Amino acid sequence: MSYYQRHVFFCLNQRDDGRACCATHDAAAMQEHAKRRIKELGLNGAGKVRVNKAGCLDRCDEGPCLVVYPEGTWYTYVDRQDVDEIVESHLARGEPVERLRLR
């Protein structure tokens, strides 16, 4: 068994050349929000869920992104409500959020 049941990585990449990047979509604030929600729901810690920052995940053209392991489920999001839905559905109940999935 892995140390964490699920591990979430938020792309926080910042590009200075004008190309699409997650940082311009408030990715750092969304990562912090997800971390807070995980703690509020008691889902953090060993054997549970870990939310981390990541450098470029190379999918910035598809909008801000995050990935959930071990499933390898990729998501995009627009706002805190989208992040809350991922936390409450996928991370808390194990039910992926189809409308936010990246393929």
C-alpha atoms as a PDB file:
ATOM      1  CA  MET A   1       0.000   0.000   0.000  1.00  0.00           C
ATOM      2  CA  SER A   2       1.163   3.504  -0.809  1.00  0.00           C
ATOM      3  CA  TYR A   3       1.804   5.982   2.001  1.00  0.00           C
ATOM      4  CA  TYR A   4      -1.154   8.062   0.748  1.00  0.00           C
ATOM      5  CA  GLN A   5      -4.430   6.729  -0.576  1.00  0.00           C
ATOM      6  CA  ARG A   6      -4.483   9.573  -3.099  1.00  0.00           C
ATOM      7  CA  HIS A   7      -1.856  12.133  -4.057  1.00  0.00           C
ATOM      8  CA  VAL A   8      -2.932  15.346  -5.822  1.00  0.00           C
ATOM      9  CA  PHE A   9      -0.574  17.558  -7.826  1.00  0.00           C
ATOM     10  CA  PHE A  10      -1.603  21.069  -8.898  1.00  0.00           C
ATOM     11  CA  CYS A  11       0.355  22.576 -11.770  1.00  0.00           C
ATOM     12  CA  LEU A  12       1.596  26.013 -10.671  1.00  0.00           C
ATOM     13  CA  ASN A  13       3.703  26.664 -13.747  1.00  0.00           C
ATOM     14  CA  GLN A  14       4.436  30.296 -14.631  1.00  0.00           C
ATOM     15  CA  ARG A  15       5.593  31.091 -18.159  1.00  0.00           C
ATOM     16  CA  ASP A  16       7.070  34.458 -19.004  1.00  0.00           C
ATOM     17  CA  ASP A  17       6.775  34.153 -22.781  1.00  0.00           C
ATOM     18  CA  GLY A  18       3.004  34.675 -23.051  1.00  0.00           C
ATOM     19  CA  ARG A  19       2.105  31.026 -23.613  1.00  0.00           C
ATOM     20  CA  ALA A  20      -0.750  29.497 -21.612  1.00  0.00           C
ATOM     21  CA  CYS A  21       0.145  28.569 -18.050  1.00  0.00           C
ATOM     22  CA  CYS A  22      -1.701  27.468 -14.947  1.00  0.00           C
ATOM     23  CA  ALA A  23      -0.354  30.289 -12.765  1.00  0.00           C
ATOM     24  CA  THR A  24      -2.419  32.861 -14.659  1.00  0.00           C
ATOM     25  CA  HIS A  25      -5.563  30.997 -13.557  1.00  0.00           C
ATOM     26  CA  ASP A  26      -4.888  31.492  -9.827  1.00  0.00           C
ATOM     27  CA  ALA A  27      -3.533  27.948  -9.510  1.00  0.00           C
ATOM     28  CA  ALA A  28      -1.609  28.668  -6.296  1.00  0.00           C
ATOM     29  CA  ALA A  29      -4.763  29.890  -4.543  1.00  0.00           C
ATOM     30  CA  MET A  30      -6.716  26.881  -5.844  1.00  0.00           C
ATOM     31  CA  GLN A  31      -4.045  24.494  -4.507  1.00  0.00           C
ATOM     32  CA  GLU A  32      -4.164  26.188  -1.105  1.00  0.00           C
ATOM     33  CA  HIS A  33      -7.958  26.038  -1.135  1.00  0.00           C
ATOM     34  CA  ALA A  34      -7.908  22.293  -1.902  1.00  0.00           C
ATOM     35  CA  LYS A  35      -5.410  21.728   0.909  1.00  0.00           C
ATOM     36  CA  ARG A  36      -7.638  23.626   3.340  1.00  0.00           C
ATOM     37  CA  ARG A  37     -10.732  21.655   2.288  1.00  0.00           C
ATOM     38  CA  ILE A  38      -8.901  18.340   2.696  1.00  0.00           C
ATOM     39  CA  LYS A  39      -7.960  19.333   6.252  1.00  0.00           C
ATOM     40  CA  GLU A  40     -11.475  20.580   7.045  1.00  0.00           C
ATOM     41  CA  LEU A  41     -12.911  17.243   5.920  1.00  0.00           C
ATOM     42  CA  GLY A  42     -10.337  15.254   7.914  1.00  0.00           C
ATOM     43  CA  LEU A  43      -8.937  13.667   4.763  1.00  0.00           C
ATOM     44  CA  ASN A  44      -5.295  14.673   5.259  1.00  0.00           C
ATOM     45  CA  GLY A  45      -2.446  12.592   6.636  1.00  0.00           C
ATOM     46  CA  ALA A  46      -0.900   9.174   6.269  1.00  0.00           C
ATOM     47  CA  GLY A  47      -3.162   6.702   4.513  1.00  0.00           C
ATOM     48  CA  LYS A  48      -5.395   9.506   3.278  1.00  0.00           C
ATOM     49  CA  VAL A  49      -4.911  12.417   0.847  1.00  0.00           C
ATOM     50  CA  ARG A  50      -1.920  14.664   0.164  1.00  0.00           C
ATOM     51  CA  VAL A  51      -2.189  17.866  -1.919  1.00  0.00           C
ATOM     52  CA  ASN A  52       1.062  19.156  -3.448  1.00  0.00           C
ATOM     53  CA  LYS A  53       2.371  21.881  -5.718  1.00  0.00           C
ATOM     54  CA  ALA A  54       3.934  20.829  -8.998  1.00  0.00           C
ATOM     55  CA  GLY A  55       5.941  22.500 -11.693  1.00  0.00           C
ATOM     56  CA  CYS A  56       4.801  22.228 -15.275  1.00  0.00           C
ATOM     57  CA  LEU A  57       2.649  19.169 -15.944  1.00  0.00           C
ATOM     58  CA  ASP A  58       2.735  20.009 -19.671  1.00  0.00           C
ATOM     59  CA  ARG A  59      -1.037  20.376 -20.152  1.00  0.00           C
ATOM     60  CA  CYS A  60      -1.349  24.137 -19.697  1.00  0.00           C
ATOM     61  CA  ASP A  61      -3.005  24.570 -23.106  1.00  0.00           C
ATOM     62  CA  GLU A  62      -6.039  22.706 -21.724  1.00  0.00           C
ATOM     63  CA  GLY A  63      -6.570  25.142 -18.852  1.00  0.00           C
ATOM     64  CA  PRO A  64      -5.345  24.988 -15.275  1.00  0.00           C
ATOM     65  CA  CYS A  65      -4.797  21.368 -14.333  1.00  0.00           C
ATOM     66  CA  LEU A  66      -4.271  18.919 -11.542  1.00  0.00           C
ATOM     67  CA  VAL A  67      -3.760  15.180 -11.458  1.00  0.00           C
ATOM     68  CA  VAL A  68      -4.896  12.628  -8.874  1.00  0.00           C
ATOM     69  CA  TYR A  69      -2.794   9.518  -8.292  1.00  0.00           C
ATOM     70  CA  PRO A  70      -2.785   6.546  -8.125  1.00  0.00           C
ATOM     71  CA  GLU A  71      -5.678   6.702 -10.607  1.00  0.00           C
ATOM     72  CA  GLY A  72      -3.898   9.123 -12.923  1.00  0.00           C
ATOM     73  CA  THR A  73      -7.090  11.177 -13.307  1.00  0.00           C
ATOM     74  CA  TRP A  74      -6.465  14.595 -14.859  1.00  0.00           C
ATOM     75  CA  TYR A  75      -8.747  17.555 -14.180  1.00  0.00           C
ATOM     76  CA  THR A  76      -9.188  21.150 -15.185  1.00  0.00           C
ATOM     77  CA  TYR A  77     -11.115  23.700 -13.120  1.00  0.00           C
ATOM     78  CA  VAL A  78     -12.453  27.226 -13.335  1.00  0.00           C
ATOM     79  CA  ASP A  79     -13.120  28.235  -9.737  1.00  0.00           C
ATOM     80  CA  ARG A  80     -13.281  27.094  -6.105  1.00  0.00           C
ATOM     81  CA  GLN A  81     -16.605  25.362  -6.685  1.00  0.00           C
ATOM     82  CA  ASP A  82     -14.935  23.096  -9.253  1.00  0.00           C
ATOM     83  CA  VAL A  83     -12.098  22.328  -6.826  1.00  0.00           C
ATOM     84  CA  ASP A  84     -14.642  21.649  -4.068  1.00  0.00           C
ATOM     85  CA  GLU A  85     -16.461  19.226  -6.358  1.00  0.00           C
ATOM     86  CA  ILE A  86     -13.222  17.332  -7.067  1.00  0.00           C
ATOM     87  CA  VAL A  87     -12.397  17.203  -3.350  1.00  0.00           C
ATOM     88  CA  GLU A  88     -15.862  16.131  -2.221  1.00  0.00           C
ATOM     89  CA  SER A  89     -16.590  13.696  -5.029  1.00  0.00           C
ATOM     90  CA  HIS A  90     -13.281  12.135  -6.083  1.00  0.00           C
ATOM     91  CA  LEU A  91     -11.082  12.580  -3.030  1.00  0.00           C
ATOM     92  CA  ALA A  92     -13.717  11.994  -0.348  1.00  0.00           C
ATOM     93  CA  ARG A  93     -15.965   9.422  -2.061  1.00  0.00           C
ATOM     94  CA  GLY A  94     -13.793   7.988  -4.827  1.00  0.00           C
ATOM     95  CA  GLU A  95     -16.159   9.171  -7.565  1.00  0.00           C
ATOM     96  CA  PRO A  96     -14.391  11.002 -10.426  1.00  0.00           C
ATOM     97  CA  VAL A  97     -15.962  14.235 -11.691  1.00  0.00           C
ATOM     98  CA  GLU A  98     -16.524  13.479 -15.363  1.00  0.00           C
ATOM     99  CA  ARG A  99     -17.394  17.014 -16.439  1.00  0.00           C
ATOM    100  CA  LEU A 100     -13.982  18.309 -15.287  1.00  0.00           C
ATOM    101  CA  ARG A 101     -11.817  15.446 -16.559  1.00  0.00           C
ATOM    102  CA  LEU A 102      -9.112  16.017 -19.128  1.00  0.00           C
ATOM    103  CA  ARG A 103      -8.670  13.173 -21.609  1.00  0.00           C
END
